């Protein structure tokens, strides 16, 4: 399936590791121009070097951005639009991964998961409207099912992101801008959350692993493929959906 993403300008937050990194790589394979960011300067520098080596003909631009700082997000989006001549796709991927049920965790989750996404969207929107672009937010099955992360801000914020994408889809449809969410289930990478849990809390890892009906966790590439489909013209009439990539992990019916 040809996705026609060549020369599209894509912004990805949290693009140096895990799912975000694979999303960046997948867009580069499609010959898109990708602007990615992360908070850690060393991570951005390492990722930029590795991507240049792996994709010598690609156009990848890494930036150090603390998405919890509104001014950082707006500056990055405006600079990316200026440098690349516009914006076609924004992927809000970064998360505080806040599990603790404390005021500090709730505040961090709101600032990083929710508020940063709205700032990203609102800053990019004038450019997206010009190019009939689209918005994708990485949510989670924790936003659909009450799971082992409860009670915590993680699932609540992920659910809010799904609702926010639906709001955007409805209000922006007349302007030709689409908005969708992707909700991964358990996604395994050695350096990611589940790799860390496997090392530090093997009992929890085993319990959650066994809940996967397919007998395995997802590969980050499987989530990235869903993102690329939604970003492409092949999904031109798909807006307001929450695409669950979980190997049938969720037990509830999505209505």
C-alpha atoms as a PDB file:
ATOM      1  CA  UNK A   1       0.000   0.000   0.000  1.00  0.00           C
ATOM      2  CA  UNK A   2       1.519   3.307  -1.084  1.00  0.00           C
ATOM      3  CA  UNK A   3       0.905   5.922   1.592  1.00  0.00           C
ATOM      4  CA  UNK A   4       1.965   9.042  -0.363  1.00  0.00           C
ATOM      5  CA  UNK A   5       3.843  10.497   2.616  1.00  0.00           C
ATOM      6  CA  UNK A   6       6.906  11.576   0.655  1.00  0.00           C
ATOM      7  CA  UNK A   7       7.912  15.165   1.504  1.00  0.00           C
ATOM      8  CA  UNK A   8       5.151  15.509   4.093  1.00  0.00           C
ATOM      9  CA  UNK A   9       6.292  17.512   7.124  1.00  0.00           C
ATOM     10  CA  UNK A  10       5.695  15.575  10.338  1.00  0.00           C
ATOM     11  CA  UNK A  11       6.214  16.708  13.934  1.00  0.00           C
ATOM     12  CA  UNK A  12       6.675  14.030  16.616  1.00  0.00           C
ATOM     13  CA  UNK A  13       7.052  14.730  20.327  1.00  0.00           C
ATOM     14  CA  UNK A  14       9.017  12.250  22.409  1.00  0.00           C
ATOM     15  CA  UNK A  15      10.746  10.968  19.308  1.00  0.00           C
ATOM     16  CA  UNK A  16      14.073   9.635  20.580  1.00  0.00           C
ATOM     17  CA  UNK A  17      13.056   6.366  22.237  1.00  0.00           C
ATOM     18  CA  UNK A  18      10.458   3.594  22.230  1.00  0.00           C
ATOM     19  CA  UNK A  19       7.302   4.024  20.193  1.00  0.00           C
ATOM     20  CA  UNK A  20       8.140   7.624  19.325  1.00  0.00           C
ATOM     21  CA  UNK A  21      11.515   6.688  17.873  1.00  0.00           C
ATOM     22  CA  UNK A  22      10.005   3.966  15.701  1.00  0.00           C
ATOM     23  CA  UNK A  23       7.302   6.384  14.519  1.00  0.00           C
ATOM     24  CA  UNK A  24      10.049   8.794  13.443  1.00  0.00           C
ATOM     25  CA  UNK A  25      11.923   6.028  11.629  1.00  0.00           C
ATOM     26  CA  UNK A  26       8.761   4.819   9.902  1.00  0.00           C
ATOM     27  CA  UNK A  27       7.971   8.265   8.517  1.00  0.00           C
ATOM     28  CA  UNK A  28      11.570   8.630   7.336  1.00  0.00           C
ATOM     29  CA  UNK A  29      11.280   5.316   5.485  1.00  0.00           C
ATOM     30  CA  UNK A  30       8.325   6.857   3.663  1.00  0.00           C
ATOM     31  CA  UNK A  31      10.582   9.820   2.758  1.00  0.00           C
ATOM     32  CA  UNK A  32       8.740  12.304   4.907  1.00  0.00           C
ATOM     33  CA  UNK A  33      10.502  15.235   6.563  1.00  0.00           C
ATOM     34  CA  UNK A  34      10.417  14.646  10.318  1.00  0.00           C
ATOM     35  CA  UNK A  35      10.945  17.146  13.123  1.00  0.00           C
ATOM     36  CA  UNK A  36      11.218  15.327  16.433  1.00  0.00           C
ATOM     37  CA  UNK A  37      11.898  16.474  19.947  1.00  0.00           C
ATOM     38  CA  UNK A  38      12.724  15.254  23.435  1.00  0.00           C
ATOM     39  CA  UNK A  39      13.727  16.845  26.710  1.00  0.00           C
ATOM     40  CA  UNK A  40      17.186  15.304  27.064  1.00  0.00           C
ATOM     41  CA  UNK A  41      19.855  16.926  24.869  1.00  0.00           C
ATOM     42  CA  UNK A  42      22.052  13.816  24.805  1.00  0.00           C
ATOM     43  CA  UNK A  43      19.129  11.673  23.664  1.00  0.00           C
ATOM     44  CA  UNK A  44      18.314  14.122  20.869  1.00  0.00           C
ATOM     45  CA  UNK A  45      21.931  14.278  19.715  1.00  0.00           C
ATOM     46  CA  UNK A  46      22.313  10.491  19.767  1.00  0.00           C
ATOM     47  CA  UNK A  47      19.040   9.933  17.923  1.00  0.00           C
ATOM     48  CA  UNK A  48      19.890  12.535  15.279  1.00  0.00           C
ATOM     49  CA  UNK A  49      23.263  10.913  14.656  1.00  0.00           C
ATOM     50  CA  UNK A  50      21.800   7.419  14.433  1.00  0.00           C
ATOM     51  CA  UNK A  51      18.994   8.506  12.128  1.00  0.00           C
ATOM     52  CA  UNK A  52      21.416  10.304   9.810  1.00  0.00           C
ATOM     53  CA  UNK A  53      23.510   7.145   9.623  1.00  0.00           C
ATOM     54  CA  UNK A  54      20.531   4.842   9.061  1.00  0.00           C
ATOM     55  CA  UNK A  55      18.720   7.140   6.631  1.00  0.00           C
ATOM     56  CA  UNK A  56      21.409   9.231   4.877  1.00  0.00           C
ATOM     57  CA  UNK A  57      18.952  10.677   2.366  1.00  0.00           C
ATOM     58  CA  UNK A  58      16.310  11.477   4.978  1.00  0.00           C
ATOM     59  CA  UNK A  59      15.388  14.846   6.407  1.00  0.00           C
ATOM     60  CA  UNK A  60      15.284  14.536  10.186  1.00  0.00           C
ATOM     61  CA  UNK A  61      15.512  17.512  12.509  1.00  0.00           C
ATOM     62  CA  UNK A  62      15.974  16.910  16.251  1.00  0.00           C
ATOM     63  CA  UNK A  63      15.300  19.570  18.883  1.00  0.00           C
ATOM     64  CA  UNK A  64      15.563  19.782  22.650  1.00  0.00           C
ATOM     65  CA  UNK A  65      12.085  20.635  23.939  1.00  0.00           C
ATOM     66  CA  UNK A  66      10.550  20.405  27.394  1.00  0.00           C
ATOM     67  CA  UNK A  67       6.890  19.974  26.482  1.00  0.00           C
ATOM     68  CA  UNK A  68       5.821  20.897  30.009  1.00  0.00           C
ATOM     69  CA  UNK A  69       6.954  24.442  29.129  1.00  0.00           C
ATOM     70  CA  UNK A  70       4.366  26.034  26.828  1.00  0.00           C
ATOM     71  CA  UNK A  71       6.871  28.494  25.401  1.00  0.00           C
ATOM     72  CA  UNK A  72       9.194  25.631  24.376  1.00  0.00           C
ATOM     73  CA  UNK A  73       6.412  23.904  22.457  1.00  0.00           C
ATOM     74  CA  UNK A  74       5.203  27.001  20.624  1.00  0.00           C
ATOM     75  CA  UNK A  75       8.753  28.013  19.684  1.00  0.00           C
ATOM     76  CA  UNK A  76       9.562  24.534  18.376  1.00  0.00           C
ATOM     77  CA  UNK A  77       6.396  24.267  16.277  1.00  0.00           C
ATOM     78  CA  UNK A  78       6.840  27.720  14.753  1.00  0.00           C
ATOM     79  CA  UNK A  79      10.509  27.095  13.982  1.00  0.00           C
ATOM     80  CA  UNK A  80       9.711  23.725  12.417  1.00  0.00           C
ATOM     81  CA  UNK A  81       7.020  25.271  10.226  1.00  0.00           C
ATOM     82  CA  UNK A  82       9.372  28.047   9.152  1.00  0.00           C
ATOM     83  CA  UNK A  83      12.294  25.717   8.440  1.00  0.00           C
ATOM     84  CA  UNK A  84      10.250  23.109   6.577  1.00  0.00           C
ATOM     85  CA  UNK A  85       7.734  25.389   4.869  1.00  0.00           C
ATOM     86  CA  UNK A  86       4.637  24.155   6.680  1.00  0.00           C
ATOM     87  CA  UNK A  87       3.241  21.241   8.678  1.00  0.00           C
ATOM     88  CA  UNK A  88       1.205  18.270   7.440  1.00  0.00           C
ATOM     89  CA  UNK A  89       1.042  15.972  10.481  1.00  0.00           C
ATOM     90  CA  UNK A  90       1.534  16.316  14.225  1.00  0.00           C
ATOM     91  CA  UNK A  91       1.979  13.269  16.450  1.00  0.00           C
ATOM     92  CA  UNK A  92       1.627  13.901  20.174  1.00  0.00           C
ATOM     93  CA  UNK A  93       3.486  11.002  21.726  1.00  0.00           C
ATOM     94  CA  UNK A  94       5.221  12.197  24.885  1.00  0.00           C
ATOM     95  CA  UNK A  95       3.818  11.161  28.269  1.00  0.00           C
ATOM     96  CA  UNK A  96       4.690  11.741  31.907  1.00  0.00           C
ATOM     97  CA  UNK A  97       3.874   8.045  32.530  1.00  0.00           C
ATOM     98  CA  UNK A  98       2.521   9.189  35.890  1.00  0.00           C
ATOM     99  CA  UNK A  99       1.317   6.261  37.977  1.00  0.00           C
ATOM    100  CA  UNK A 100       1.443   7.665  41.505  1.00  0.00           C
ATOM    101  CA  UNK A 101      -1.846   8.936  42.912  1.00  0.00           C
ATOM    102  CA  UNK A 102      -0.410  12.192  44.232  1.00  0.00           C
ATOM    103  CA  UNK A 103      -1.105  15.865  43.469  1.00  0.00           C
ATOM    104  CA  UNK A 104       2.373  16.170  41.964  1.00  0.00           C
ATOM    105  CA  UNK A 105       1.804  13.241  39.615  1.00  0.00           C
ATOM    106  CA  UNK A 106      -1.599  14.546  38.543  1.00  0.00           C
ATOM    107  CA  UNK A 107      -0.104  17.961  37.804  1.00  0.00           C
ATOM    108  CA  UNK A 108       2.771  16.483  35.817  1.00  0.00           C
ATOM    109  CA  UNK A 109       0.419  14.263  33.840  1.00  0.00           C
ATOM    110  CA  UNK A 110      -1.864  17.174  33.015  1.00  0.00           C
ATOM    111  CA  UNK A 111       1.027  19.406  31.932  1.00  0.00           C
ATOM    112  CA  UNK A 112       2.836  16.818  29.832  1.00  0.00           C
ATOM    113  CA  UNK A 113       0.112  14.528  28.483  1.00  0.00           C
ATOM    114  CA  UNK A 114      -2.787  16.922  28.119  1.00  0.00           C
ATOM    115  CA  UNK A 115      -1.762  20.579  28.102  1.00  0.00           C
ATOM    116  CA  UNK A 116       1.295  20.014  25.919  1.00  0.00           C
ATOM    117  CA  UNK A 117      -0.926  18.286  23.362  1.00  0.00           C
ATOM    118  CA  UNK A 118      -3.370  21.176  23.207  1.00  0.00           C
ATOM    119  CA  UNK A 119      -0.521  23.679  22.815  1.00  0.00           C
ATOM    120  CA  UNK A 120       1.043  21.546  20.084  1.00  0.00           C
ATOM    121  CA  UNK A 121      -2.252  21.341  18.248  1.00  0.00           C
ATOM    122  CA  UNK A 122      -3.261  24.972  18.595  1.00  0.00           C
ATOM    123  CA  UNK A 123       0.150  26.236  17.509  1.00  0.00           C
ATOM    124  CA  UNK A 124       0.301  23.923  14.504  1.00  0.00           C
ATOM    125  CA  UNK A 125      -3.328  24.390  13.501  1.00  0.00           C
ATOM    126  CA  UNK A 126      -2.927  27.362  11.137  1.00  0.00           C
ATOM    127  CA  UNK A 127      -0.349  25.352   9.201  1.00  0.00           C
ATOM    128  CA  UNK A 128      -2.429  22.175   9.273  1.00  0.00           C
ATOM    129  CA  UNK A 129      -5.447  24.037   7.914  1.00  0.00           C
ATOM    130  CA  UNK A 130      -3.422  25.314   4.944  1.00  0.00           C
ATOM    131  CA  UNK A 131      -2.262  21.797   4.059  1.00  0.00           C
ATOM    132  CA  UNK A 132      -5.427  19.859   5.058  1.00  0.00           C
ATOM    133  CA  UNK A 133      -3.271  18.055   7.573  1.00  0.00           C
ATOM    134  CA  UNK A 134      -4.020  15.785  10.475  1.00  0.00           C
ATOM    135  CA  UNK A 135      -3.413  15.195  14.167  1.00  0.00           C
ATOM    136  CA  UNK A 136      -2.623  11.932  15.922  1.00  0.00           C
ATOM    137  CA  UNK A 137      -2.364  11.437  19.668  1.00  0.00           C
ATOM    138  CA  UNK A 138      -0.821   8.372  21.254  1.00  0.00           C
ATOM    139  CA  UNK A 139      -3.202   7.322  23.995  1.00  0.00           C
ATOM    140  CA  UNK A 140      -3.325   3.911  25.689  1.00  0.00           C
ATOM    141  CA  UNK A 141      -5.587   0.987  26.502  1.00  0.00           C
ATOM    142  CA  UNK A 142      -5.398   2.385  30.041  1.00  0.00           C
ATOM    143  CA  UNK A 143      -7.660   5.144  28.727  1.00  0.00           C
ATOM    144  CA  UNK A 144     -10.257   2.499  27.789  1.00  0.00           C
ATOM    145  CA  UNK A 145     -10.007  -0.118  30.534  1.00  0.00           C
ATOM    146  CA  UNK A 146      -9.500   0.300  34.262  1.00  0.00           C
ATOM    147  CA  UNK A 147      -6.282  -1.649  34.676  1.00  0.00           C
ATOM    148  CA  UNK A 148      -3.345  -2.137  37.017  1.00  0.00           C
ATOM    149  CA  UNK A 149      -2.384   1.551  36.734  1.00  0.00           C
ATOM    150  CA  UNK A 150      -5.514   2.643  38.644  1.00  0.00           C
ATOM    151  CA  UNK A 151      -6.027   4.779  40.580  1.00  0.00           C
ATOM    152  CA  UNK A 152      -3.637   7.195  38.907  1.00  0.00           C
ATOM    153  CA  UNK A 153      -3.559  10.075  36.452  1.00  0.00           C
ATOM    154  CA  UNK A 154      -2.194   7.888  33.656  1.00  0.00           C
ATOM    155  CA  UNK A 155      -5.436   6.285  32.492  1.00  0.00           C
ATOM    156  CA  UNK A 156      -7.493   9.396  33.171  1.00  0.00           C
ATOM    157  CA  UNK A 157      -5.264  11.578  30.977  1.00  0.00           C
ATOM    158  CA  UNK A 158      -5.139   8.971  28.234  1.00  0.00           C
ATOM    159  CA  UNK A 159      -8.949   8.865  28.231  1.00  0.00           C
ATOM    160  CA  UNK A 160      -9.025  12.656  28.059  1.00  0.00           C
ATOM    161  CA  UNK A 161      -6.771  12.587  25.000  1.00  0.00           C
ATOM    162  CA  UNK A 162      -9.182  10.245  23.204  1.00  0.00           C
ATOM    163  CA  UNK A 163     -12.052  12.613  23.946  1.00  0.00           C
ATOM    164  CA  UNK A 164      -9.992  15.630  22.875  1.00  0.00           C
ATOM    165  CA  UNK A 165      -9.190  14.010  19.517  1.00  0.00           C
ATOM    166  CA  UNK A 166     -12.901  13.352  19.004  1.00  0.00           C
ATOM    167  CA  UNK A 167     -13.654  16.992  19.766  1.00  0.00           C
ATOM    168  CA  UNK A 168     -11.041  18.146  17.272  1.00  0.00           C
ATOM    169  CA  UNK A 169     -12.279  15.748  14.620  1.00  0.00           C
ATOM    170  CA  UNK A 170     -15.800  17.146  14.872  1.00  0.00           C
ATOM    171  CA  UNK A 171     -14.875  20.831  14.978  1.00  0.00           C
ATOM    172  CA  UNK A 172     -12.093  20.700  12.368  1.00  0.00           C
ATOM    173  CA  UNK A 173     -13.807  18.485   9.785  1.00  0.00           C
ATOM    174  CA  UNK A 174     -15.214  21.478   7.864  1.00  0.00           C
ATOM    175  CA  UNK A 175     -11.652  22.770   7.528  1.00  0.00           C
ATOM    176  CA  UNK A 176     -10.359  19.485   6.142  1.00  0.00           C
ATOM    177  CA  UNK A 177      -8.234  18.630   9.187  1.00  0.00           C
ATOM    178  CA  UNK A 178      -8.502  15.134  10.655  1.00  0.00           C
ATOM    179  CA  UNK A 179      -7.765  14.034  14.237  1.00  0.00           C
ATOM    180  CA  UNK A 180      -7.426  10.503  15.614  1.00  0.00           C
ATOM    181  CA  UNK A 181      -6.019   8.623  18.586  1.00  0.00           C
ATOM    182  CA  UNK A 182      -3.989   5.428  18.655  1.00  0.00           C
ATOM    183  CA  UNK A 183      -4.222   3.332  21.827  1.00  0.00           C
ATOM    184  CA  UNK A 184      -1.446   0.763  22.151  1.00  0.00           C
ATOM    185  CA  UNK A 185      -1.648  -2.146  24.527  1.00  0.00           C
ATOM    186  CA  UNK A 186       1.498  -3.601  26.085  1.00  0.00           C
ATOM    187  CA  UNK A 187       4.383  -2.601  23.810  1.00  0.00           C
ATOM    188  CA  UNK A 188       7.719  -4.238  24.545  1.00  0.00           C
ATOM    189  CA  UNK A 189      11.122  -2.671  24.070  1.00  0.00           C
ATOM    190  CA  UNK A 190      14.140  -3.491  26.219  1.00  0.00           C
ATOM    191  CA  UNK A 191      14.720   0.161  27.046  1.00  0.00           C
ATOM    192  CA  UNK A 192      11.017   0.947  27.476  1.00  0.00           C
ATOM    193  CA  UNK A 193       8.527   0.666  30.316  1.00  0.00           C
ATOM    194  CA  UNK A 194       7.932  -3.059  29.964  1.00  0.00           C
ATOM    195  CA  UNK A 195      11.608  -3.823  29.597  1.00  0.00           C
ATOM    196  CA  UNK A 196      12.181  -1.957  32.845  1.00  0.00           C
ATOM    197  CA  UNK A 197       9.319  -3.769  34.589  1.00  0.00           C
ATOM    198  CA  UNK A 198      10.650  -7.104  33.348  1.00  0.00           C
ATOM    199  CA  UNK A 199      13.966  -6.374  35.056  1.00  0.00           C
ATOM    200  CA  UNK A 200      12.715  -4.670  38.224  1.00  0.00           C
ATOM    201  CA  UNK A 201       9.347  -6.314  38.876  1.00  0.00           C
ATOM    202  CA  UNK A 202       9.257  -9.712  37.152  1.00  0.00           C
ATOM    203  CA  UNK A 203       6.076 -10.792  38.969  1.00  0.00           C
ATOM    204  CA  UNK A 204       4.115  -7.826  37.577  1.00  0.00           C
ATOM    205  CA  UNK A 205       5.628  -8.391  34.140  1.00  0.00           C
ATOM    206  CA  UNK A 206       4.601 -12.052  34.162  1.00  0.00           C
ATOM    207  CA  UNK A 207       1.064 -11.243  35.334  1.00  0.00           C
ATOM    208  CA  UNK A 208       0.533  -8.603  32.655  1.00  0.00           C
ATOM    209  CA  UNK A 209       2.227 -10.638  29.934  1.00  0.00           C
ATOM    210  CA  UNK A 210      -0.146 -13.522  30.560  1.00  0.00           C
ATOM    211  CA  UNK A 211      -3.157 -11.257  30.012  1.00  0.00           C
ATOM    212  CA  UNK A 212      -2.264 -10.822  26.328  1.00  0.00           C
ATOM    213  CA  UNK A 213      -4.568 -13.141  24.341  1.00  0.00           C
ATOM    214  CA  UNK A 214      -2.066 -13.373  21.477  1.00  0.00           C
ATOM    215  CA  UNK A 215       0.602 -14.649  23.838  1.00  0.00           C
ATOM    216  CA  UNK A 216       2.952 -11.727  23.286  1.00  0.00           C
ATOM    217  CA  UNK A 217       3.277  -7.971  23.613  1.00  0.00           C
ATOM    218  CA  UNK A 218       3.205  -5.608  20.670  1.00  0.00           C
ATOM    219  CA  UNK A 219       6.213  -4.516  18.698  1.00  0.00           C
ATOM    220  CA  UNK A 220       6.598  -0.720  18.406  1.00  0.00           C
ATOM    221  CA  UNK A 221       6.534  -1.089  14.627  1.00  0.00           C
ATOM    222  CA  UNK A 222       2.950  -2.336  14.864  1.00  0.00           C
ATOM    223  CA  UNK A 223       1.911   0.882  16.586  1.00  0.00           C
ATOM    224  CA  UNK A 224       3.889   2.995  14.132  1.00  0.00           C
ATOM    225  CA  UNK A 225       2.138   1.300  11.206  1.00  0.00           C
ATOM    226  CA  UNK A 226      -1.225   2.370  12.619  1.00  0.00           C
ATOM    227  CA  UNK A 227       0.026   5.938  13.002  1.00  0.00           C
ATOM    228  CA  UNK A 228       1.305   6.064   9.440  1.00  0.00           C
ATOM    229  CA  UNK A 229      -1.986   4.751   8.076  1.00  0.00           C
ATOM    230  CA  UNK A 230      -3.974   7.410   9.927  1.00  0.00           C
ATOM    231  CA  UNK A 231      -1.527  10.094   8.770  1.00  0.00           C
ATOM    232  CA  UNK A 232      -1.886   9.076   5.133  1.00  0.00           C
ATOM    233  CA  UNK A 233      -4.472   9.787   2.472  1.00  0.00           C
ATOM    234  CA  UNK A 234      -5.522   6.145   2.753  1.00  0.00           C
ATOM    235  CA  UNK A 235      -7.341   7.262   5.912  1.00  0.00           C
ATOM    236  CA  UNK A 236      -8.836  10.343   4.260  1.00  0.00           C
ATOM    237  CA  UNK A 237     -12.344   9.654   5.656  1.00  0.00           C
ATOM    238  CA  UNK A 238     -11.182   8.435   9.062  1.00  0.00           C
ATOM    239  CA  UNK A 239     -11.430  11.067  11.758  1.00  0.00           C
ATOM    240  CA  UNK A 240     -12.429  10.948  15.403  1.00  0.00           C
ATOM    241  CA  UNK A 241     -11.512   7.303  15.819  1.00  0.00           C
ATOM    242  CA  UNK A 242      -9.509   5.618  18.555  1.00  0.00           C
ATOM    243  CA  UNK A 243      -7.524   2.901  16.826  1.00  0.00           C
ATOM    244  CA  UNK A 244      -6.687   0.259  19.426  1.00  0.00           C
ATOM    245  CA  UNK A 245      -3.512  -1.732  18.759  1.00  0.00           C
ATOM    246  CA  UNK A 246      -3.599  -4.187  21.630  1.00  0.00           C
ATOM    247  CA  UNK A 247      -3.860  -7.745  20.338  1.00  0.00           C
ATOM    248  CA  UNK A 248      -7.365  -8.024  21.857  1.00  0.00           C
ATOM    249  CA  UNK A 249      -6.103  -7.120  25.342  1.00  0.00           C
ATOM    250  CA  UNK A 250      -9.043  -4.829  26.154  1.00  0.00           C
ATOM    251  CA  UNK A 251     -12.056  -6.637  27.530  1.00  0.00           C
ATOM    252  CA  UNK A 252     -14.579  -3.839  27.077  1.00  0.00           C
ATOM    253  CA  UNK A 253     -16.474  -3.109  23.874  1.00  0.00           C
ATOM    254  CA  UNK A 254     -15.491   0.221  22.315  1.00  0.00           C
ATOM    255  CA  UNK A 255     -18.681   2.064  21.426  1.00  0.00           C
END
